[in-house]
């Protein structure tokens, strides 16, 4: 194992060794649905049910999600790499994307592996990101689907 100086590139490389699921965070904005891809999403508590995701301070989408006061974490399935790429890029992310309104009012993406619909409970600054905690209002999952994974800066199938 190689030890290297702690730099942002070194930390990014080390974290690339950690496989994550791919999640699209969606919300209802004043001009329509908004969303962004994240790989920093996790369960925090079962009682009360809380999850978290991290948004970059430089995100153009986070302010719209914050203003909405709610979000849906859409856990992408293995066949949704195109959605992951679309929601990670700039532009019309919803072009041709089938979705419906969830309990919170946030868009729920069709054919995802799971959905966790939330209201924003709190947020905390953490370095160059904001840690957003969501109180879970509704969940659904499709056990017949496999998840999309992100590992070593590439998409993988389980």
N, C-alpha and C. Protein backbone atom coordinates (compact mmCIF):
# COMPACT_ATOMS: atom_id res chain seq x y z
N UNK A 1 0.84 -1.17 0.00
CA UNK A 1 0.00 0.00 0.00
C UNK A 1 0.89 1.23 0.00
N UNK A 2 0.55 2.18 -0.85
CA UNK A 2 1.35 3.40 -1.02
C UNK A 2 0.81 4.52 -0.13
N UNK A 3 1.69 5.17 0.62
CA UNK A 3 1.32 6.34 1.41
C UNK A 3 1.76 7.58 0.64
N UNK A 4 0.85 8.54 0.50
CA UNK A 4 1.12 9.75 -0.27
C UNK A 4 0.72 10.97 0.56
N UNK A 5 1.24 12.15 0.22
CA UNK A 5 0.81 13.36 0.93
C UNK A 5 -0.69 13.58 0.76
N UNK A 6 -1.31 14.15 1.77
CA UNK A 6 -2.74 14.41 1.74
C UNK A 6 -3.00 15.67 0.91
N UNK A 7 -3.53 15.44 -0.29
CA UNK A 7 -3.95 16.53 -1.19
C UNK A 7 -5.38 16.22 -1.62
N UNK A 8 -6.04 17.18 -2.24
CA UNK A 8 -7.39 16.92 -2.71
C UNK A 8 -7.41 15.79 -3.75
N UNK A 9 -6.39 15.73 -4.60
CA UNK A 9 -6.31 14.65 -5.60
C UNK A 9 -6.10 13.29 -4.93
N UNK A 10 -5.26 13.26 -3.89
CA UNK A 10 -5.01 12.01 -3.18
C UNK A 10 -6.26 11.52 -2.46
N UNK A 11 -6.99 12.44 -1.83
CA UNK A 11 -8.23 12.07 -1.15
C UNK A 11 -9.26 11.58 -2.17
N UNK A 12 -9.38 12.27 -3.30
CA UNK A 12 -10.31 11.84 -4.36
C UNK A 12 -9.94 10.42 -4.83
N UNK A 13 -8.66 10.15 -5.03
CA UNK A 13 -8.21 8.82 -5.47
C UNK A 13 -8.52 7.76 -4.43
N UNK A 14 -8.29 8.07 -3.16
CA UNK A 14 -8.58 7.11 -2.10
C UNK A 14 -10.07 6.83 -2.02
N UNK A 15 -10.89 7.86 -2.14
CA UNK A 15 -12.33 7.67 -2.07
C UNK A 15 -12.88 6.92 -3.29
N UNK A 16 -12.14 6.96 -4.40
CA UNK A 16 -12.55 6.20 -5.58
C UNK A 16 -12.47 4.70 -5.33
N UNK A 17 -11.78 4.30 -4.26
CA UNK A 17 -11.69 2.89 -3.89
C UNK A 17 -12.95 2.43 -3.15
N UNK A 18 -13.82 3.35 -2.82
CA UNK A 18 -15.05 3.04 -2.11
C UNK A 18 -16.20 3.01 -3.11
N UNK A 19 -16.80 1.85 -3.33
CA UNK A 19 -17.92 1.73 -4.25
C UNK A 19 -19.17 2.33 -3.61
N UNK A 20 -19.89 3.13 -4.40
CA UNK A 20 -21.12 3.73 -3.90
C UNK A 20 -22.26 3.46 -4.87
N UNK A 21 -23.45 3.61 -4.36
CA UNK A 21 -24.61 3.60 -5.23
C UNK A 21 -24.70 4.96 -5.91
N UNK A 22 -25.53 5.06 -6.91
CA UNK A 22 -25.71 6.33 -7.62
C UNK A 22 -27.13 6.80 -7.36
N UNK A 23 -27.23 8.03 -6.89
CA UNK A 23 -28.51 8.60 -6.49
C UNK A 23 -28.73 9.91 -7.22
N UNK A 24 -29.96 10.13 -7.68
CA UNK A 24 -30.36 11.42 -8.23
C UNK A 24 -31.30 12.06 -7.22
N UNK A 25 -30.91 13.24 -6.75
CA UNK A 25 -31.74 14.01 -5.82
C UNK A 25 -32.63 14.92 -6.67
N UNK A 26 -33.94 14.84 -6.47
CA UNK A 26 -34.88 15.65 -7.23
C UNK A 26 -35.74 16.50 -6.31
N UNK A 27 -36.25 17.59 -6.85
CA UNK A 27 -37.17 18.45 -6.12
C UNK A 27 -38.02 19.21 -7.13
N UNK A 28 -39.06 19.85 -6.63
CA UNK A 28 -39.92 20.68 -7.48
C UNK A 28 -39.48 22.12 -7.35
N UNK A 29 -38.95 22.68 -8.43
CA UNK A 29 -38.53 24.08 -8.45
C UNK A 29 -39.66 24.97 -8.94
N UNK A 30 -39.51 26.27 -8.83
CA UNK A 30 -40.57 27.19 -9.27
C UNK A 30 -40.83 27.15 -10.77
N UNK A 31 -39.84 26.72 -11.55
CA UNK A 31 -40.00 26.65 -13.00
C UNK A 31 -40.08 25.22 -13.50
N UNK A 32 -40.29 24.29 -12.59
CA UNK A 32 -40.36 22.88 -12.97
C UNK A 32 -39.41 22.05 -12.14
N UNK A 33 -39.29 20.76 -12.46
CA UNK A 33 -38.47 19.88 -11.66
C UNK A 33 -36.97 20.18 -11.81
N UNK A 34 -36.23 19.96 -10.72
CA UNK A 34 -34.78 20.11 -10.71
C UNK A 34 -34.18 18.82 -10.16
N UNK A 35 -32.90 18.61 -10.42
CA UNK A 35 -32.27 17.41 -9.89
C UNK A 35 -30.78 17.40 -10.14
N UNK A 36 -30.08 16.57 -9.37
CA UNK A 36 -28.63 16.42 -9.51
C UNK A 36 -28.22 15.03 -9.07
N UNK A 37 -27.17 14.51 -9.71
CA UNK A 37 -26.61 13.21 -9.32
C UNK A 37 -25.68 13.40 -8.14
N UNK A 38 -25.76 12.47 -7.18
CA UNK A 38 -24.85 12.47 -6.03
C UNK A 38 -24.40 11.04 -5.77
N UNK A 39 -23.24 10.90 -5.16
CA UNK A 39 -22.84 9.57 -4.69
C UNK A 39 -22.57 9.62 -3.19
N UNK A 40 -22.85 10.76 -2.56
CA UNK A 40 -22.74 10.89 -1.11
C UNK A 40 -24.14 10.87 -0.53
N UNK A 41 -24.67 9.68 -0.33
CA UNK A 41 -26.02 9.48 0.20
C UNK A 41 -25.98 8.30 1.14
N UNK A 42 -26.59 8.44 2.31
CA UNK A 42 -26.60 7.33 3.26
C UNK A 42 -27.74 7.46 4.25
N UNK A 43 -28.07 6.36 4.86
CA UNK A 43 -29.02 6.34 5.97
C UNK A 43 -28.30 6.85 7.21
N UNK A 44 -28.99 7.64 8.02
CA UNK A 44 -28.41 8.17 9.25
C UNK A 44 -29.06 7.55 10.47
N UNK A 45 -30.39 7.43 10.45
CA UNK A 45 -31.13 6.97 11.62
C UNK A 45 -32.39 6.24 11.16
N UNK A 46 -32.76 5.20 11.90
CA UNK A 46 -34.02 4.51 11.62
C UNK A 46 -35.15 5.04 12.49
N UNK A 47 -34.81 5.63 13.66
CA UNK A 47 -35.82 6.17 14.56
C UNK A 47 -35.33 7.47 15.17
N UNK A 48 -35.67 8.62 14.62
CA UNK A 48 -36.57 8.80 13.48
C UNK A 48 -35.86 8.47 12.17
N UNK A 49 -36.61 8.18 11.13
CA UNK A 49 -35.98 7.84 9.85
C UNK A 49 -35.35 9.08 9.19
N UNK A 50 -34.02 9.08 9.09
CA UNK A 50 -33.27 10.19 8.51
C UNK A 50 -32.24 9.67 7.52
N UNK A 51 -32.03 10.42 6.44
CA UNK A 51 -30.98 10.14 5.46
C UNK A 51 -30.20 11.43 5.27
N UNK A 52 -29.07 11.33 4.57
CA UNK A 52 -28.33 12.54 4.23
C UNK A 52 -27.72 12.41 2.85
N UNK A 53 -27.48 13.58 2.24
CA UNK A 53 -26.69 13.67 1.03
C UNK A 53 -25.86 14.93 1.14
N UNK A 54 -24.84 15.03 0.30
CA UNK A 54 -23.97 16.20 0.31
C UNK A 54 -24.08 16.92 -1.03
N UNK A 55 -24.15 18.25 -0.95
CA UNK A 55 -24.21 19.09 -2.15
C UNK A 55 -23.05 20.07 -2.10
N UNK A 56 -22.40 20.25 -3.21
CA UNK A 56 -21.29 21.19 -3.30
C UNK A 56 -21.80 22.63 -3.13
N UNK A 57 -20.98 23.46 -2.47
CA UNK A 57 -21.32 24.88 -2.36
C UNK A 57 -21.45 25.53 -3.74
N UNK A 58 -20.78 24.96 -4.74
CA UNK A 58 -20.83 25.54 -6.09
C UNK A 58 -22.01 25.02 -6.92
N UNK A 59 -22.83 24.15 -6.35
CA UNK A 59 -23.97 23.58 -7.08
C UNK A 59 -24.98 24.66 -7.44
N UNK A 60 -25.42 24.66 -8.70
CA UNK A 60 -26.49 25.55 -9.13
C UNK A 60 -27.86 24.98 -8.79
N UNK A 61 -27.91 23.68 -8.52
CA UNK A 61 -29.18 23.00 -8.27
C UNK A 61 -29.56 23.05 -6.79
N UNK A 62 -28.58 22.95 -5.90
CA UNK A 62 -28.87 22.90 -4.47
C UNK A 62 -29.77 24.06 -4.00
N UNK A 63 -29.55 25.31 -4.41
CA UNK A 63 -30.43 26.38 -3.93
C UNK A 63 -31.91 26.15 -4.25
N UNK A 64 -32.20 25.53 -5.40
CA UNK A 64 -33.59 25.23 -5.77
C UNK A 64 -34.16 24.12 -4.90
N UNK A 65 -33.33 23.12 -4.59
CA UNK A 65 -33.78 22.03 -3.71
C UNK A 65 -34.03 22.58 -2.31
N UNK A 66 -33.11 23.41 -1.83
CA UNK A 66 -33.27 24.01 -0.50
C UNK A 66 -34.56 24.83 -0.43
N UNK A 67 -34.82 25.64 -1.46
CA UNK A 67 -36.02 26.47 -1.48
C UNK A 67 -37.29 25.62 -1.49
N UNK A 68 -37.23 24.46 -2.14
CA UNK A 68 -38.40 23.57 -2.19
C UNK A 68 -38.72 23.00 -0.81
N UNK A 69 -37.68 22.78 0.00
CA UNK A 69 -37.90 22.23 1.33
C UNK A 69 -38.10 20.73 1.36
N UNK A 70 -37.97 20.09 0.23
CA UNK A 70 -38.16 18.63 0.14
C UNK A 70 -37.25 18.08 -0.96
N UNK A 71 -37.10 16.76 -0.98
CA UNK A 71 -36.36 16.12 -2.06
C UNK A 71 -36.73 14.64 -2.11
N UNK A 72 -36.46 14.04 -3.24
CA UNK A 72 -36.56 12.59 -3.37
C UNK A 72 -35.19 12.07 -3.77
N UNK A 73 -34.69 11.10 -3.03
CA UNK A 73 -33.46 10.42 -3.38
C UNK A 73 -33.85 9.20 -4.21
N UNK A 74 -33.51 9.24 -5.49
CA UNK A 74 -33.83 8.17 -6.43
C UNK A 74 -32.58 7.31 -6.59
N UNK A 75 -32.59 6.10 -6.04
CA UNK A 75 -31.47 5.18 -6.15
C UNK A 75 -31.55 4.53 -7.52
N UNK A 76 -30.57 4.84 -8.38
CA UNK A 76 -30.66 4.39 -9.76
C UNK A 76 -30.41 2.90 -9.92
N UNK A 77 -31.08 2.35 -10.89
CA UNK A 77 -30.91 0.93 -11.20
C UNK A 77 -29.82 0.76 -12.26
N UNK A 78 -29.41 -0.47 -12.45
CA UNK A 78 -28.30 -0.79 -13.35
C UNK A 78 -28.52 -0.30 -14.77
N UNK A 79 -29.76 -0.16 -15.18
CA UNK A 79 -30.05 0.27 -16.55
C UNK A 79 -30.21 1.79 -16.68
N UNK A 80 -29.82 2.54 -15.65
CA UNK A 80 -30.03 3.98 -15.67
C UNK A 80 -28.74 4.80 -15.69
N UNK A 81 -27.69 4.24 -16.26
CA UNK A 81 -26.44 4.99 -16.37
C UNK A 81 -26.64 6.28 -17.16
N UNK A 82 -27.47 6.25 -18.19
CA UNK A 82 -27.75 7.45 -18.97
C UNK A 82 -28.35 8.55 -18.11
N UNK A 83 -29.23 8.18 -17.19
CA UNK A 83 -29.81 9.17 -16.27
C UNK A 83 -28.73 9.73 -15.35
N UNK A 84 -27.84 8.87 -14.87
CA UNK A 84 -26.76 9.34 -14.00
C UNK A 84 -25.92 10.38 -14.72
N UNK A 85 -25.60 10.10 -15.97
CA UNK A 85 -24.80 11.05 -16.75
C UNK A 85 -25.57 12.34 -17.04
N UNK A 86 -26.86 12.23 -17.34
CA UNK A 86 -27.67 13.41 -17.64
C UNK A 86 -27.79 14.32 -16.42
N UNK A 87 -28.00 13.73 -15.24
CA UNK A 87 -28.18 14.53 -14.04
C UNK A 87 -26.85 15.00 -13.45
N UNK A 88 -25.74 14.51 -13.96
CA UNK A 88 -24.42 15.00 -13.55
C UNK A 88 -23.95 16.14 -14.45
N UNK A 89 -24.63 16.33 -15.57
CA UNK A 89 -24.23 17.37 -16.54
C UNK A 89 -25.16 18.57 -16.43
N UNK A 90 -24.79 19.63 -17.09
CA UNK A 90 -25.65 20.82 -17.16
C UNK A 90 -26.63 20.65 -18.32
N UNK A 91 -27.71 21.39 -18.27
CA UNK A 91 -28.68 21.33 -19.35
C UNK A 91 -30.02 20.83 -18.86
N UNK A 92 -30.91 20.48 -19.80
CA UNK A 92 -32.24 19.99 -19.46
C UNK A 92 -32.13 18.53 -19.03
N UNK A 93 -32.06 18.32 -17.76
CA UNK A 93 -31.85 16.97 -17.21
C UNK A 93 -33.09 16.08 -17.31
N UNK A 94 -34.24 16.67 -17.47
CA UNK A 94 -35.49 15.90 -17.49
C UNK A 94 -35.97 15.56 -18.89
N UNK A 95 -35.21 15.91 -19.91
CA UNK A 95 -35.62 15.66 -21.29
C UNK A 95 -35.84 14.16 -21.49
N UNK A 96 -37.08 13.77 -21.74
CA UNK A 96 -37.43 12.37 -21.97
C UNK A 96 -37.42 11.49 -20.74
N UNK A 97 -37.36 12.07 -19.55
CA UNK A 97 -37.28 11.29 -18.31
C UNK A 97 -38.69 11.12 -17.72
N UNK A 98 -39.12 9.87 -17.64
CA UNK A 98 -40.43 9.58 -17.06
C UNK A 98 -40.36 9.70 -15.54
N UNK A 99 -41.32 10.45 -14.98
CA UNK A 99 -41.36 10.62 -13.54
C UNK A 99 -42.79 10.97 -13.12
N UNK A 100 -43.02 10.88 -11.82
CA UNK A 100 -44.31 11.26 -11.26
C UNK A 100 -44.05 11.97 -9.92
N UNK A 101 -45.05 12.62 -9.39
CA UNK A 101 -44.91 13.38 -8.16
C UNK A 101 -45.02 12.45 -6.94
N UNK A 102 -44.07 12.58 -6.02
CA UNK A 102 -44.09 11.79 -4.80
C UNK A 102 -44.87 12.47 -3.69
N UNK A 103 -44.87 11.86 -2.53
CA UNK A 103 -45.60 12.36 -1.37
C UNK A 103 -45.18 13.79 -1.02
N UNK A 104 -43.89 14.09 -1.09
CA UNK A 104 -43.39 15.42 -0.73
C UNK A 104 -43.66 16.45 -1.83
N UNK A 105 -43.99 15.98 -3.01
CA UNK A 105 -44.12 16.87 -4.17
C UNK A 105 -42.92 16.79 -5.09
N UNK A 106 -41.86 16.13 -4.63
CA UNK A 106 -40.65 15.97 -5.44
C UNK A 106 -40.88 14.95 -6.55
N UNK A 107 -40.20 15.12 -7.69
CA UNK A 107 -40.30 14.13 -8.76
C UNK A 107 -39.69 12.79 -8.33
N UNK A 108 -40.39 11.73 -8.63
CA UNK A 108 -39.93 10.37 -8.40
C UNK A 108 -39.63 9.79 -9.78
N UNK A 109 -38.38 9.41 -10.03
CA UNK A 109 -37.98 8.90 -11.34
C UNK A 109 -38.48 7.47 -11.53
N UNK A 110 -39.15 7.23 -12.64
CA UNK A 110 -39.65 5.89 -12.94
C UNK A 110 -38.49 4.92 -13.16
N UNK A 111 -38.71 3.67 -12.82
CA UNK A 111 -37.78 2.56 -13.05
C UNK A 111 -36.51 2.61 -12.22
N UNK A 112 -36.50 3.40 -11.14
CA UNK A 112 -35.34 3.40 -10.25
C UNK A 112 -35.38 2.15 -9.37
N UNK A 113 -34.27 1.87 -8.73
CA UNK A 113 -34.16 0.72 -7.83
C UNK A 113 -34.93 0.99 -6.53
N UNK A 114 -34.86 2.24 -6.04
CA UNK A 114 -35.57 2.62 -4.81
C UNK A 114 -35.77 4.14 -4.81
N UNK A 115 -36.72 4.57 -3.99
CA UNK A 115 -37.00 6.00 -3.80
C UNK A 115 -37.10 6.27 -2.31
N UNK A 116 -36.54 7.39 -1.88
CA UNK A 116 -36.66 7.83 -0.50
C UNK A 116 -37.11 9.29 -0.56
N UNK A 117 -38.37 9.52 -0.27
CA UNK A 117 -38.98 10.84 -0.39
C UNK A 117 -38.89 11.53 0.98
N UNK A 118 -38.39 12.77 1.00
CA UNK A 118 -38.05 13.43 2.27
C UNK A 118 -38.43 14.90 2.31
N UNK A 119 -38.52 15.42 3.53
CA UNK A 119 -38.52 16.85 3.74
C UNK A 119 -37.17 17.20 4.35
N UNK A 120 -36.65 18.37 4.02
CA UNK A 120 -35.36 18.77 4.55
C UNK A 120 -35.51 19.04 6.05
N UNK A 121 -34.70 18.36 6.85
CA UNK A 121 -34.76 18.49 8.31
C UNK A 121 -33.74 19.50 8.82
N UNK A 122 -32.52 19.45 8.26
CA UNK A 122 -31.47 20.39 8.64
C UNK A 122 -30.33 20.30 7.65
N UNK A 123 -29.43 21.26 7.74
CA UNK A 123 -28.25 21.27 6.88
C UNK A 123 -27.08 21.85 7.66
N UNK A 124 -25.88 21.41 7.29
CA UNK A 124 -24.66 21.85 7.97
C UNK A 124 -23.55 22.08 6.95
N UNK A 125 -22.83 23.17 7.09
CA UNK A 125 -21.65 23.40 6.25
C UNK A 125 -20.56 22.41 6.65
N UNK A 126 -19.89 21.86 5.66
CA UNK A 126 -18.80 20.92 5.90
C UNK A 126 -17.78 21.08 4.78
N UNK A 127 -16.78 21.92 5.00
CA UNK A 127 -15.76 22.14 3.97
C UNK A 127 -16.38 22.78 2.75
N UNK A 128 -16.15 22.17 1.58
CA UNK A 128 -16.68 22.72 0.34
C UNK A 128 -18.06 22.17 -0.01
N UNK A 129 -18.71 21.50 0.95
CA UNK A 129 -20.03 20.93 0.73
C UNK A 129 -21.00 21.32 1.84
N UNK A 130 -22.25 21.03 1.60
CA UNK A 130 -23.32 21.18 2.59
C UNK A 130 -23.87 19.78 2.83
N UNK A 131 -23.97 19.38 4.08
CA UNK A 131 -24.56 18.10 4.43
C UNK A 131 -26.04 18.36 4.70
N UNK A 132 -26.89 17.69 3.93
CA UNK A 132 -28.33 17.89 4.00
C UNK A 132 -28.98 16.66 4.61
N UNK A 133 -29.71 16.86 5.69
CA UNK A 133 -30.42 15.77 6.35
C UNK A 133 -31.88 15.82 5.94
N UNK A 134 -32.42 14.67 5.59
CA UNK A 134 -33.82 14.58 5.20
C UNK A 134 -34.59 13.66 6.12
N UNK A 135 -35.79 14.10 6.53
CA UNK A 135 -36.71 13.27 7.31
C UNK A 135 -37.53 12.47 6.31
N UNK A 136 -37.46 11.17 6.39
CA UNK A 136 -38.10 10.28 5.41
C UNK A 136 -39.62 10.30 5.59
N UNK A 137 -40.31 10.58 4.49
CA UNK A 137 -41.77 10.61 4.47
C UNK A 137 -42.36 9.37 3.80
N UNK A 138 -41.62 8.82 2.82
CA UNK A 138 -42.15 7.71 2.03
C UNK A 138 -40.98 6.97 1.40
N UNK A 139 -41.12 5.67 1.26
CA UNK A 139 -40.10 4.85 0.58
C UNK A 139 -40.78 3.86 -0.34
N UNK A 140 -40.08 3.49 -1.39
CA UNK A 140 -40.52 2.41 -2.26
C UNK A 140 -39.28 1.77 -2.87
N UNK A 141 -39.38 0.51 -3.23
CA UNK A 141 -38.24 -0.17 -3.84
C UNK A 141 -38.73 -1.24 -4.79
N UNK A 142 -37.87 -1.57 -5.76
CA UNK A 142 -38.17 -2.62 -6.72
C UNK A 142 -37.07 -3.67 -6.58
N UNK A 143 -37.36 -4.75 -5.86
CA UNK A 143 -36.36 -5.79 -5.60
C UNK A 143 -35.97 -6.54 -6.86
N UNK A 144 -36.73 -6.37 -7.94
CA UNK A 144 -36.40 -7.04 -9.19
C UNK A 144 -35.30 -6.34 -9.98
N UNK A 145 -34.88 -5.19 -9.54
CA UNK A 145 -33.83 -4.42 -10.23
C UNK A 145 -32.52 -4.52 -9.46
N UNK A 146 -31.42 -4.33 -10.18
CA UNK A 146 -30.09 -4.27 -9.56
C UNK A 146 -29.64 -2.82 -9.52
N UNK A 147 -28.76 -2.45 -8.57
CA UNK A 147 -28.32 -1.06 -8.46
C UNK A 147 -27.23 -0.71 -9.47
N UNK A 148 -27.13 0.56 -9.76
CA UNK A 148 -26.01 1.11 -10.52
C UNK A 148 -24.95 1.52 -9.50
N UNK A 149 -23.71 1.12 -9.71
CA UNK A 149 -22.63 1.44 -8.79
C UNK A 149 -21.61 2.38 -9.43
N UNK A 150 -20.91 3.12 -8.59
CA UNK A 150 -19.84 4.02 -9.04
C UNK A 150 -18.59 3.63 -8.26
N UNK A 151 -17.53 3.25 -9.01
CA UNK A 151 -16.30 2.76 -8.40
C UNK A 151 -15.13 3.11 -9.31
N UNK A 152 -14.08 3.68 -8.72
CA UNK A 152 -12.89 4.10 -9.47
C UNK A 152 -13.27 4.99 -10.66
N UNK A 153 -14.18 5.92 -10.40
CA UNK A 153 -14.61 6.94 -11.36
C UNK A 153 -15.30 6.36 -12.60
N UNK A 154 -15.88 5.17 -12.45
CA UNK A 154 -16.62 4.53 -13.55
C UNK A 154 -17.90 3.93 -13.01
N UNK A 155 -18.88 3.74 -13.89
CA UNK A 155 -20.12 3.06 -13.53
C UNK A 155 -19.91 1.57 -13.67
N UNK A 156 -20.50 0.82 -12.75
CA UNK A 156 -20.39 -0.64 -12.72
C UNK A 156 -21.75 -1.24 -12.46
N UNK A 157 -21.91 -2.48 -12.88
CA UNK A 157 -23.13 -3.23 -12.60
C UNK A 157 -22.81 -4.32 -11.61
N UNK A 158 -23.74 -4.59 -10.73
CA UNK A 158 -23.55 -5.62 -9.72
C UNK A 158 -23.76 -7.00 -10.33
